[in-house]
Amino acid sequence: MMAMKMMTADPLAVGRVIGDVIDCFTPAEKMTVTYNSNKQVFNGHEFFPSAVTTKPRVQVHGDDMRSFFTLVMTDPDVPGPSDPYLREHLHWIVSDIPGTTDTSFGKELVKYEMPRPNIGIHRYVFVLYKQKRRQTVMKVPTSRDGFNARKYADENELGPPVAAVFFNAQRETASRRR
């Protein structure tokens, strides 16, 4: 009998983050996203919108403090996942985050906007890019709607992502709120 090798699918591919938001990439850095100091984001897990009202702590476990990173948070499912014609909606951008620190050490270019999904289950995607040098990111989007993470990375010479993670959220009914 032949032993079958178990292949695990990349949750970013299964969740269509690769394809809808970013291209296939090789993770090169570790990033942790934590809401309310104890709720860590894992690919595909669901959060209630009421649990993500304030910006999360995003730690970059980069190689050293001489490296700088840009974080983008986007929703590719606006206004709804079955017809996301406003794809993508920008929720947050922080640049110049030194490696081995978190977003509080970076420069917030676009203030955090809490998720407010109206129709269906939305994906909220955090993408981390390594900058070539400090103050690489010069172009700030003029609108949150119609944002494009790939185009933004190209315009700011950020290259491919080095880390990404996403969570799901849907509109809370009054009975679902905690």
N, C-alpha and C. Protein backbone atom coordinates (compact mmCIF):
# COMPACT_ATOMS: atom_id res chain seq x y z
N MET A 1 0.84 -1.18 0.00
CA MET A 1 0.00 0.00 0.00
C MET A 1 0.88 1.25 0.00
N MET A 2 0.55 2.21 -0.86
CA MET A 2 1.35 3.44 -0.94
C MET A 2 0.85 4.46 0.07
N ALA A 3 1.76 5.07 0.76
CA ALA A 3 1.37 6.12 1.71
C ALA A 3 1.11 7.40 0.92
N MET A 4 -0.01 8.03 1.23
CA MET A 4 -0.33 9.29 0.54
C MET A 4 0.23 10.45 1.34
N LYS A 5 0.84 11.34 0.62
CA LYS A 5 1.41 12.53 1.25
C LYS A 5 0.28 13.55 1.43
N MET A 6 0.15 14.04 2.62
CA MET A 6 -0.89 15.04 2.89
C MET A 6 -0.42 16.41 2.42
N MET A 7 -1.24 17.04 1.62
CA MET A 7 -0.94 18.38 1.16
C MET A 7 -1.90 19.33 1.85
N THR A 8 -1.38 20.38 2.44
CA THR A 8 -2.26 21.35 3.07
C THR A 8 -2.37 22.55 2.14
N ALA A 9 -3.59 22.96 1.89
CA ALA A 9 -3.83 24.08 1.01
C ALA A 9 -3.55 25.38 1.77
N ASP A 10 -3.02 26.36 1.06
CA ASP A 10 -2.75 27.66 1.65
C ASP A 10 -4.09 28.34 1.95
N PRO A 11 -4.36 28.70 3.22
CA PRO A 11 -5.65 29.33 3.55
C PRO A 11 -5.87 30.65 2.80
N LEU A 12 -4.80 31.34 2.41
CA LEU A 12 -4.96 32.57 1.64
C LEU A 12 -5.48 32.27 0.24
N ALA A 13 -5.10 31.11 -0.31
CA ALA A 13 -5.60 30.69 -1.62
C ALA A 13 -7.04 30.18 -1.50
N VAL A 14 -7.28 29.36 -0.49
CA VAL A 14 -8.63 28.82 -0.26
C VAL A 14 -9.62 29.97 -0.04
N GLY A 15 -9.21 30.98 0.72
CA GLY A 15 -10.07 32.14 1.00
C GLY A 15 -10.10 33.15 -0.12
N ARG A 16 -9.46 32.84 -1.24
CA ARG A 16 -9.39 33.69 -2.43
C ARG A 16 -8.76 35.07 -2.17
N VAL A 17 -7.96 35.18 -1.10
CA VAL A 17 -7.21 36.42 -0.87
C VAL A 17 -6.15 36.51 -1.96
N ILE A 18 -5.48 35.34 -2.20
CA ILE A 18 -4.57 35.26 -3.35
C ILE A 18 -5.48 35.17 -4.56
N GLY A 19 -5.35 36.11 -5.43
CA GLY A 19 -6.23 36.21 -6.59
C GLY A 19 -7.05 37.48 -6.52
N ASP A 20 -7.84 37.65 -5.45
CA ASP A 20 -8.69 38.83 -5.33
C ASP A 20 -7.92 40.07 -4.85
N VAL A 21 -6.93 39.88 -3.97
CA VAL A 21 -6.23 41.03 -3.38
C VAL A 21 -4.75 41.04 -3.75
N ILE A 22 -4.09 39.89 -3.60
CA ILE A 22 -2.65 39.80 -3.85
C ILE A 22 -2.36 38.62 -4.76
N ASP A 23 -1.17 38.63 -5.32
CA ASP A 23 -0.71 37.50 -6.12
C ASP A 23 -0.04 36.50 -5.19
N CYS A 24 0.20 35.32 -5.69
CA CYS A 24 0.88 34.29 -4.93
C CYS A 24 2.26 34.82 -4.50
N PHE A 25 2.65 34.55 -3.27
CA PHE A 25 3.93 35.05 -2.76
C PHE A 25 4.49 34.04 -1.77
N THR A 26 5.76 34.20 -1.47
CA THR A 26 6.41 33.36 -0.48
C THR A 26 6.54 34.15 0.81
N PRO A 27 5.86 33.73 1.89
CA PRO A 27 5.98 34.47 3.15
C PRO A 27 7.45 34.55 3.58
N ALA A 28 7.90 35.77 3.89
CA ALA A 28 9.29 35.97 4.25
C ALA A 28 9.45 36.54 5.66
N GLU A 29 8.35 37.01 6.24
CA GLU A 29 8.38 37.58 7.58
C GLU A 29 7.20 37.03 8.36
N LYS A 30 7.28 37.15 9.68
CA LYS A 30 6.17 36.74 10.54
C LYS A 30 5.47 38.00 11.04
N MET A 31 4.14 37.95 11.02
CA MET A 31 3.33 39.08 11.48
C MET A 31 2.21 38.52 12.34
N THR A 32 1.94 39.17 13.48
CA THR A 32 0.79 38.77 14.29
C THR A 32 -0.13 39.98 14.45
N VAL A 33 -1.42 39.72 14.28
CA VAL A 33 -2.45 40.75 14.39
C VAL A 33 -3.33 40.35 15.57
N THR A 34 -3.44 41.26 16.56
CA THR A 34 -4.19 40.95 17.77
C THR A 34 -5.14 42.10 18.10
N TYR A 35 -6.42 41.77 18.28
CA TYR A 35 -7.42 42.75 18.71
C TYR A 35 -7.63 42.64 20.21
N ASN A 36 -7.84 43.76 20.85
CA ASN A 36 -8.17 43.82 22.28
C ASN A 36 -7.19 43.02 23.13
N SER A 37 -5.94 43.04 22.76
CA SER A 37 -4.80 42.43 23.46
C SER A 37 -4.85 40.91 23.63
N ASN A 38 -5.94 40.24 23.19
CA ASN A 38 -5.95 38.79 23.37
C ASN A 38 -6.63 38.00 22.26
N LYS A 39 -7.16 38.66 21.24
CA LYS A 39 -7.84 37.95 20.16
C LYS A 39 -6.98 38.00 18.89
N GLN A 40 -6.18 36.95 18.70
CA GLN A 40 -5.28 36.93 17.54
C GLN A 40 -6.04 36.53 16.28
N VAL A 41 -5.69 37.18 15.17
CA VAL A 41 -6.29 36.90 13.88
C VAL A 41 -5.58 35.71 13.24
N PHE A 42 -6.37 34.71 12.85
CA PHE A 42 -5.89 33.55 12.09
C PHE A 42 -6.70 33.49 10.81
N ASN A 43 -6.08 33.05 9.73
CA ASN A 43 -6.74 33.01 8.43
C ASN A 43 -8.10 32.33 8.49
N GLY A 44 -9.13 33.08 8.04
CA GLY A 44 -10.46 32.53 7.91
C GLY A 44 -11.31 32.51 9.17
N HIS A 45 -10.74 32.88 10.32
CA HIS A 45 -11.55 32.90 11.54
C HIS A 45 -12.53 34.06 11.49
N GLU A 46 -13.66 33.90 12.18
CA GLU A 46 -14.67 34.96 12.17
C GLU A 46 -14.59 35.80 13.43
N PHE A 47 -14.75 37.11 13.24
CA PHE A 47 -14.83 38.06 14.34
C PHE A 47 -16.15 38.81 14.22
N PHE A 48 -16.75 39.14 15.35
CA PHE A 48 -17.90 40.03 15.32
C PHE A 48 -17.38 41.44 15.07
N PRO A 49 -18.07 42.25 14.25
CA PRO A 49 -17.63 43.64 14.06
C PRO A 49 -17.47 44.39 15.38
N SER A 50 -18.30 44.07 16.38
CA SER A 50 -18.21 44.75 17.67
C SER A 50 -16.90 44.42 18.40
N ALA A 51 -16.20 43.37 17.97
CA ALA A 51 -14.93 42.98 18.60
C ALA A 51 -13.72 43.60 17.91
N VAL A 52 -13.95 44.31 16.80
CA VAL A 52 -12.82 44.88 16.04
C VAL A 52 -13.01 46.38 15.79
N THR A 53 -13.62 47.06 16.77
CA THR A 53 -13.91 48.49 16.60
C THR A 53 -12.67 49.36 16.71
N THR A 54 -11.69 48.91 17.49
CA THR A 54 -10.45 49.70 17.63
C THR A 54 -9.32 49.00 16.89
N LYS A 55 -8.34 49.78 16.45
CA LYS A 55 -7.28 49.19 15.65
C LYS A 55 -6.52 48.12 16.43
N PRO A 56 -6.10 47.10 15.72
CA PRO A 56 -5.39 46.00 16.38
C PRO A 56 -3.92 46.34 16.59
N ARG A 57 -3.27 45.52 17.39
CA ARG A 57 -1.81 45.61 17.51
C ARG A 57 -1.25 44.66 16.46
N VAL A 58 -0.44 45.19 15.58
CA VAL A 58 0.16 44.36 14.54
C VAL A 58 1.67 44.35 14.78
N GLN A 59 2.17 43.18 15.14
CA GLN A 59 3.60 43.02 15.40
C GLN A 59 4.29 42.48 14.16
N VAL A 60 5.41 43.11 13.84
CA VAL A 60 6.24 42.66 12.72
C VAL A 60 7.47 42.04 13.34
N HIS A 61 7.64 40.75 13.08
CA HIS A 61 8.79 40.05 13.63
C HIS A 61 9.90 40.04 12.58
N GLY A 62 10.14 41.19 11.98
CA GLY A 62 11.13 41.32 10.90
C GLY A 62 12.54 41.02 11.38
N ASP A 63 13.45 41.05 10.43
CA ASP A 63 14.82 40.65 10.73
C ASP A 63 15.56 41.58 11.68
N ASP A 64 15.38 42.87 11.53
CA ASP A 64 16.02 43.82 12.44
C ASP A 64 15.36 45.18 12.33
N MET A 65 15.76 46.10 13.20
CA MET A 65 15.13 47.43 13.21
C MET A 65 15.58 48.31 12.06
N ARG A 66 16.52 47.83 11.25
CA ARG A 66 16.95 48.63 10.09
C ARG A 66 16.05 48.37 8.87
N SER A 67 15.15 47.39 8.99
CA SER A 67 14.18 47.11 7.93
C SER A 67 12.88 47.83 8.25
N PHE A 68 12.20 48.30 7.20
CA PHE A 68 10.94 49.01 7.40
C PHE A 68 9.84 48.36 6.57
N PHE A 69 8.62 48.41 7.11
CA PHE A 69 7.50 47.71 6.51
C PHE A 69 6.29 48.61 6.38
N THR A 70 5.41 48.27 5.42
CA THR A 70 4.13 48.94 5.25
C THR A 70 3.03 47.91 5.42
N LEU A 71 2.02 48.27 6.20
CA LEU A 71 0.86 47.42 6.43
C LEU A 71 -0.35 48.03 5.75
N VAL A 72 -1.10 47.20 5.02
CA VAL A 72 -2.34 47.62 4.38
C VAL A 72 -3.45 46.70 4.87
N MET A 73 -4.59 47.28 5.27
CA MET A 73 -5.78 46.50 5.62
C MET A 73 -6.88 46.87 4.64
N THR A 74 -7.45 45.85 4.00
CA THR A 74 -8.44 46.11 2.96
C THR A 74 -9.58 45.09 3.01
N ASP A 75 -10.73 45.49 2.48
CA ASP A 75 -11.90 44.61 2.37
C ASP A 75 -12.22 44.45 0.89
N PRO A 76 -12.00 43.25 0.32
CA PRO A 76 -12.27 43.05 -1.10
C PRO A 76 -13.72 42.69 -1.43
N ASP A 77 -14.61 42.74 -0.45
CA ASP A 77 -15.99 42.27 -0.63
C ASP A 77 -17.05 43.36 -0.53
N VAL A 78 -16.73 44.57 -1.00
CA VAL A 78 -17.65 45.70 -0.87
C VAL A 78 -18.40 45.91 -2.18
N PRO A 79 -19.73 46.10 -2.15
CA PRO A 79 -20.58 46.14 -0.97
C PRO A 79 -20.97 44.76 -0.44
N GLY A 80 -20.87 43.72 -1.28
CA GLY A 80 -21.16 42.36 -0.82
C GLY A 80 -20.34 41.36 -1.61
N PRO A 81 -20.06 40.19 -1.03
CA PRO A 81 -19.20 39.22 -1.68
C PRO A 81 -19.72 38.66 -3.01
N SER A 82 -21.04 38.66 -3.22
CA SER A 82 -21.56 38.13 -4.48
C SER A 82 -21.40 39.12 -5.63
N ASP A 83 -21.28 40.40 -5.34
CA ASP A 83 -21.08 41.42 -6.37
C ASP A 83 -20.21 42.54 -5.80
N PRO A 84 -18.90 42.28 -5.66
CA PRO A 84 -18.01 43.26 -5.01
C PRO A 84 -17.53 44.35 -5.97
N TYR A 85 -18.48 45.08 -6.57
CA TYR A 85 -18.12 46.05 -7.60
C TYR A 85 -17.35 47.26 -7.07
N LEU A 86 -17.32 47.46 -5.77
CA LEU A 86 -16.53 48.56 -5.20
C LEU A 86 -15.16 48.07 -4.70
N ARG A 87 -14.83 46.83 -4.99
CA ARG A 87 -13.57 46.21 -4.53
C ARG A 87 -12.42 47.15 -4.81
N GLU A 88 -11.51 47.36 -3.94
CA GLU A 88 -11.45 47.01 -2.55
C GLU A 88 -11.77 48.26 -1.73
N HIS A 89 -12.13 48.07 -0.46
CA HIS A 89 -12.32 49.21 0.44
C HIS A 89 -11.15 49.23 1.41
N LEU A 90 -10.46 50.36 1.45
CA LEU A 90 -9.27 50.51 2.29
C LEU A 90 -9.67 50.83 3.73
N HIS A 91 -9.10 50.08 4.68
CA HIS A 91 -9.40 50.30 6.09
C HIS A 91 -8.25 50.92 6.87
N TRP A 92 -7.00 50.73 6.39
CA TRP A 92 -5.87 51.20 7.21
C TRP A 92 -4.58 51.08 6.42
N ILE A 93 -3.69 52.08 6.58
CA ILE A 93 -2.32 51.97 6.06
C ILE A 93 -1.36 52.55 7.10
N VAL A 94 -0.34 51.78 7.43
CA VAL A 94 0.74 52.25 8.30
C VAL A 94 2.05 51.94 7.58
N SER A 95 2.92 52.94 7.47
CA SER A 95 4.21 52.72 6.80
C SER A 95 5.35 52.98 7.79
N ASP A 96 6.55 52.69 7.34
CA ASP A 96 7.77 52.92 8.13
C ASP A 96 7.73 52.22 9.49
N ILE A 97 7.20 50.99 9.51
CA ILE A 97 7.18 50.19 10.74
C ILE A 97 8.54 49.50 10.83
N PRO A 98 9.33 49.80 11.85
CA PRO A 98 10.64 49.13 11.97
C PRO A 98 10.46 47.64 12.27
N GLY A 99 11.30 46.81 11.67
CA GLY A 99 11.27 45.38 11.95
C GLY A 99 11.44 45.14 13.44
N THR A 100 10.88 44.09 13.95
CA THR A 100 10.90 43.69 15.37
C THR A 100 10.04 44.60 16.27
N THR A 101 9.20 45.46 15.67
CA THR A 101 8.33 46.32 16.49
C THR A 101 6.87 46.10 16.06
N ASP A 102 6.00 47.07 16.35
CA ASP A 102 4.61 46.99 15.91
C ASP A 102 4.17 48.30 15.28
N THR A 103 2.91 48.34 14.83
CA THR A 103 2.41 49.49 14.08
C THR A 103 2.46 50.80 14.85
N SER A 104 2.50 50.74 16.18
CA SER A 104 2.55 51.99 16.95
C SER A 104 3.87 52.74 16.70
N PHE A 105 4.88 52.05 16.17
CA PHE A 105 6.17 52.69 15.87
C PHE A 105 6.22 53.20 14.43
N GLY A 106 5.18 52.92 13.65
CA GLY A 106 5.14 53.35 12.25
C GLY A 106 4.41 54.66 12.09
N LYS A 107 4.20 55.03 10.84
CA LYS A 107 3.53 56.28 10.49
C LYS A 107 2.17 55.93 9.89
N GLU A 108 1.10 56.31 10.59
CA GLU A 108 -0.25 56.01 10.12
C GLU A 108 -0.61 56.96 8.98
N LEU A 109 -0.70 56.43 7.76
CA LEU A 109 -1.01 57.25 6.59
C LEU A 109 -2.51 57.36 6.36
N VAL A 110 -3.24 56.27 6.66
CA VAL A 110 -4.70 56.26 6.57
C VAL A 110 -5.20 55.70 7.89
N LYS A 111 -6.00 56.49 8.60
CA LYS A 111 -6.49 56.08 9.92
C LYS A 111 -7.33 54.81 9.85
N TYR A 112 -7.29 54.02 10.91
CA TYR A 112 -8.04 52.77 11.00
C TYR A 112 -9.54 53.04 10.93
N GLU A 113 -10.21 52.29 10.09
CA GLU A 113 -11.67 52.35 9.99
C GLU A 113 -12.20 50.97 10.34
N MET A 114 -13.09 50.90 11.31
CA MET A 114 -13.60 49.60 11.76
C MET A 114 -14.44 48.94 10.66
N PRO A 115 -14.42 47.61 10.61
CA PRO A 115 -15.24 46.87 9.65
C PRO A 115 -16.72 47.08 9.90
N ARG A 116 -17.48 47.30 8.82
CA ARG A 116 -18.93 47.45 8.90
C ARG A 116 -19.60 46.70 7.75
N PRO A 117 -19.50 45.37 7.76
CA PRO A 117 -20.10 44.61 6.65
C PRO A 117 -21.62 44.72 6.66
N ASN A 118 -22.21 44.99 5.50
CA ASN A 118 -23.68 45.08 5.40
C ASN A 118 -24.30 43.82 4.85
N ILE A 119 -23.72 43.29 3.77
CA ILE A 119 -24.29 42.15 3.07
C ILE A 119 -23.29 41.01 3.05
N GLY A 120 -23.65 39.86 3.56
CA GLY A 120 -22.81 38.67 3.45
C GLY A 120 -21.58 38.70 4.35
N ILE A 121 -20.72 37.71 4.12
CA ILE A 121 -19.49 37.57 4.90
C ILE A 121 -18.35 38.26 4.16
N HIS A 122 -17.71 39.20 4.83
CA HIS A 122 -16.60 39.96 4.22
C HIS A 122 -15.28 39.45 4.75
N ARG A 123 -14.25 39.53 3.89
CA ARG A 123 -12.88 39.21 4.30
C ARG A 123 -12.16 40.53 4.59
N TYR A 124 -11.45 40.57 5.69
CA TYR A 124 -10.64 41.73 6.04
C TYR A 124 -9.20 41.27 6.02
N VAL A 125 -8.43 41.84 5.11
CA VAL A 125 -7.11 41.33 4.78
C VAL A 125 -6.02 42.30 5.24
N PHE A 126 -5.04 41.76 5.97
CA PHE A 126 -3.85 42.52 6.37
C PHE A 126 -2.70 42.04 5.49
N VAL A 127 -2.08 42.97 4.77
CA VAL A 127 -0.96 42.62 3.90
C VAL A 127 0.25 43.42 4.35
N LEU A 128 1.37 42.74 4.53
CA LEU A 128 2.61 43.38 4.96
C LEU A 128 3.61 43.37 3.82
N TYR A 129 4.18 44.55 3.55
CA TYR A 129 5.20 44.71 2.50
C TYR A 129 6.49 45.20 3.14
N LYS A 130 7.62 44.73 2.62
CA LYS A 130 8.91 45.23 3.09
C LYS A 130 9.30 46.40 2.19
N GLN A 131 9.65 47.51 2.81
CA GLN A 131 10.06 48.70 2.07
C GLN A 131 11.54 48.59 1.69
N LYS A 132 11.90 49.27 0.60
CA LYS A 132 13.31 49.28 0.18
C LYS A 132 14.14 50.13 1.15
N ARG A 133 13.50 51.15 1.71
CA ARG A 133 14.17 52.05 2.66
C ARG A 133 13.08 52.79 3.43
N ARG A 134 13.49 53.57 4.40
CA ARG A 134 12.52 54.35 5.17
C ARG A 134 11.89 55.42 4.27
N GLN A 135 10.68 55.77 4.56
CA GLN A 135 9.92 56.80 3.82
C GLN A 135 9.81 56.48 2.33
N THR A 136 9.63 55.20 2.02
CA THR A 136 9.41 54.79 0.64
C THR A 136 8.02 55.19 0.20
N VAL A 137 7.05 55.01 1.09
CA VAL A 137 5.65 55.23 0.73
C VAL A 137 5.37 56.73 0.72
N MET A 138 5.10 57.24 -0.46
CA MET A 138 4.87 58.67 -0.62
C MET A 138 3.44 58.96 -1.08
N LYS A 139 2.85 58.00 -1.81
CA LYS A 139 1.52 58.23 -2.37
C LYS A 139 0.45 57.70 -1.40
N VAL A 140 -0.41 58.61 -0.95
CA VAL A 140 -1.51 58.23 -0.06
C VAL A 140 -2.77 58.21 -0.91
N PRO A 141 -3.56 57.13 -0.84
CA PRO A 141 -4.79 57.06 -1.64
C PRO A 141 -5.73 58.22 -1.33
N THR A 142 -6.42 58.71 -2.36
CA THR A 142 -7.34 59.82 -2.18
C THR A 142 -8.72 59.34 -1.77
N SER A 143 -9.00 58.04 -1.97
CA SER A 143 -10.30 57.47 -1.61
C SER A 143 -10.11 56.09 -1.01
N ARG A 144 -11.00 55.72 -0.10
CA ARG A 144 -10.96 54.37 0.48
C ARG A 144 -11.60 53.36 -0.46
N ASP A 145 -12.60 53.79 -1.23
CA ASP A 145 -13.26 52.88 -2.17
C ASP A 145 -12.45 52.77 -3.45
N GLY A 146 -12.53 51.60 -4.09
CA GLY A 146 -11.81 51.41 -5.34
C GLY A 146 -10.31 51.25 -5.13
N PHE A 147 -9.90 50.98 -3.91
CA PHE A 147 -8.48 50.78 -3.60
C PHE A 147 -8.01 49.49 -4.26
N ASN A 148 -6.73 49.43 -4.60
CA ASN A 148 -6.16 48.22 -5.19
C ASN A 148 -4.79 47.99 -4.55
N ALA A 149 -4.69 46.94 -3.73
CA ALA A 149 -3.44 46.66 -3.00
C ALA A 149 -2.27 46.45 -3.95
N ARG A 150 -2.49 45.71 -5.05
CA ARG A 150 -1.40 45.46 -6.01
C ARG A 150 -0.88 46.77 -6.61
N LYS A 151 -1.83 47.61 -7.05
CA LYS A 151 -1.47 48.88 -7.67
C LYS A 151 -0.75 49.78 -6.65
N TYR A 152 -1.26 49.79 -5.43
CA TYR A 152 -0.64 50.61 -4.38
C TYR A 152 0.81 50.16 -4.13
N ALA A 153 1.02 48.85 -4.07
CA ALA A 153 2.37 48.32 -3.86
C ALA A 153 3.28 48.70 -5.03
N ASP A 154 2.75 48.62 -6.25
CA ASP A 154 3.54 48.99 -7.44
C ASP A 154 3.90 50.48 -7.41
N GLU A 155 2.91 51.34 -7.16
CA GLU A 155 3.13 52.79 -7.15
C GLU A 155 4.17 53.21 -6.11
N ASN A 156 4.26 52.45 -5.03
CA ASN A 156 5.19 52.80 -3.95
C ASN A 156 6.42 51.90 -3.91
N GLU A 157 6.62 51.13 -5.00
CA GLU A 157 7.79 50.25 -5.15
C GLU A 157 7.98 49.35 -3.94
N LEU A 158 6.87 48.71 -3.50
CA LEU A 158 6.94 47.86 -2.32
C LEU A 158 7.26 46.40 -2.65
N GLY A 159 7.07 45.99 -3.89
CA GLY A 159 7.33 44.61 -4.24
C GLY A 159 6.23 43.69 -3.74
N PRO A 160 6.49 42.38 -3.77
CA PRO A 160 5.45 41.43 -3.34
C PRO A 160 5.28 41.45 -1.82
N PRO A 161 4.13 40.98 -1.33
CA PRO A 161 3.93 40.91 0.12
C PRO A 161 4.97 40.00 0.77
N VAL A 162 5.22 40.23 2.06
CA VAL A 162 6.10 39.33 2.82
C VAL A 162 5.30 38.57 3.87
N ALA A 163 4.05 39.01 4.12
CA ALA A 163 3.15 38.31 5.05
C ALA A 163 1.73 38.80 4.78
N ALA A 164 0.76 37.94 5.09
CA ALA A 164 -0.64 38.32 4.96
C ALA A 164 -1.48 37.42 5.85
N VAL A 165 -2.58 37.98 6.35
CA VAL A 165 -3.53 37.21 7.16
C VAL A 165 -4.90 37.88 6.98
N PHE A 166 -5.98 37.08 7.11
CA PHE A 166 -7.31 37.67 6.97
C PHE A 166 -8.29 37.04 7.96
N PHE A 167 -9.32 37.82 8.27
CA PHE A 167 -10.43 37.28 9.06
C PHE A 167 -11.73 37.59 8.34
N ASN A 168 -12.78 36.89 8.74
CA ASN A 168 -14.11 37.10 8.18
C ASN A 168 -14.98 37.81 9.20
N ALA A 169 -15.93 38.60 8.70
CA ALA A 169 -16.92 39.23 9.57
C ALA A 169 -18.20 39.43 8.78
N GLN A 170 -19.32 39.36 9.47
CA GLN A 170 -20.60 39.66 8.85
C GLN A 170 -21.40 40.54 9.78
N ARG A 171 -22.41 41.18 9.21
CA ARG A 171 -23.25 42.09 9.99
C ARG A 171 -23.83 41.36 11.20
N GLU A 172 -23.78 42.07 12.33
CA GLU A 172 -24.34 41.50 13.56
C GLU A 172 -25.79 41.91 13.71
N THR A 173 -26.62 40.95 14.03
CA THR A 173 -28.00 41.28 14.39
C THR A 173 -27.95 41.64 15.88
N ALA A 174 -28.98 42.28 16.36
CA ALA A 174 -29.00 42.67 17.77
C ALA A 174 -28.83 41.45 18.68
N SER A 175 -29.37 40.32 18.29
CA SER A 175 -29.26 39.12 19.13
C SER A 175 -27.87 38.50 19.11
N ARG A 176 -27.06 38.81 18.06
CA ARG A 176 -25.72 38.24 17.97
C ARG A 176 -24.68 39.07 18.73
N ARG A 177 -25.01 40.33 19.00
CA ARG A 177 -24.02 41.19 19.68
C ARG A 177 -23.74 40.70 21.07
N ARG A 178 -22.46 40.79 21.44
CA ARG A 178 -22.08 40.38 22.79
C ARG A 178 -21.49 41.56 23.52
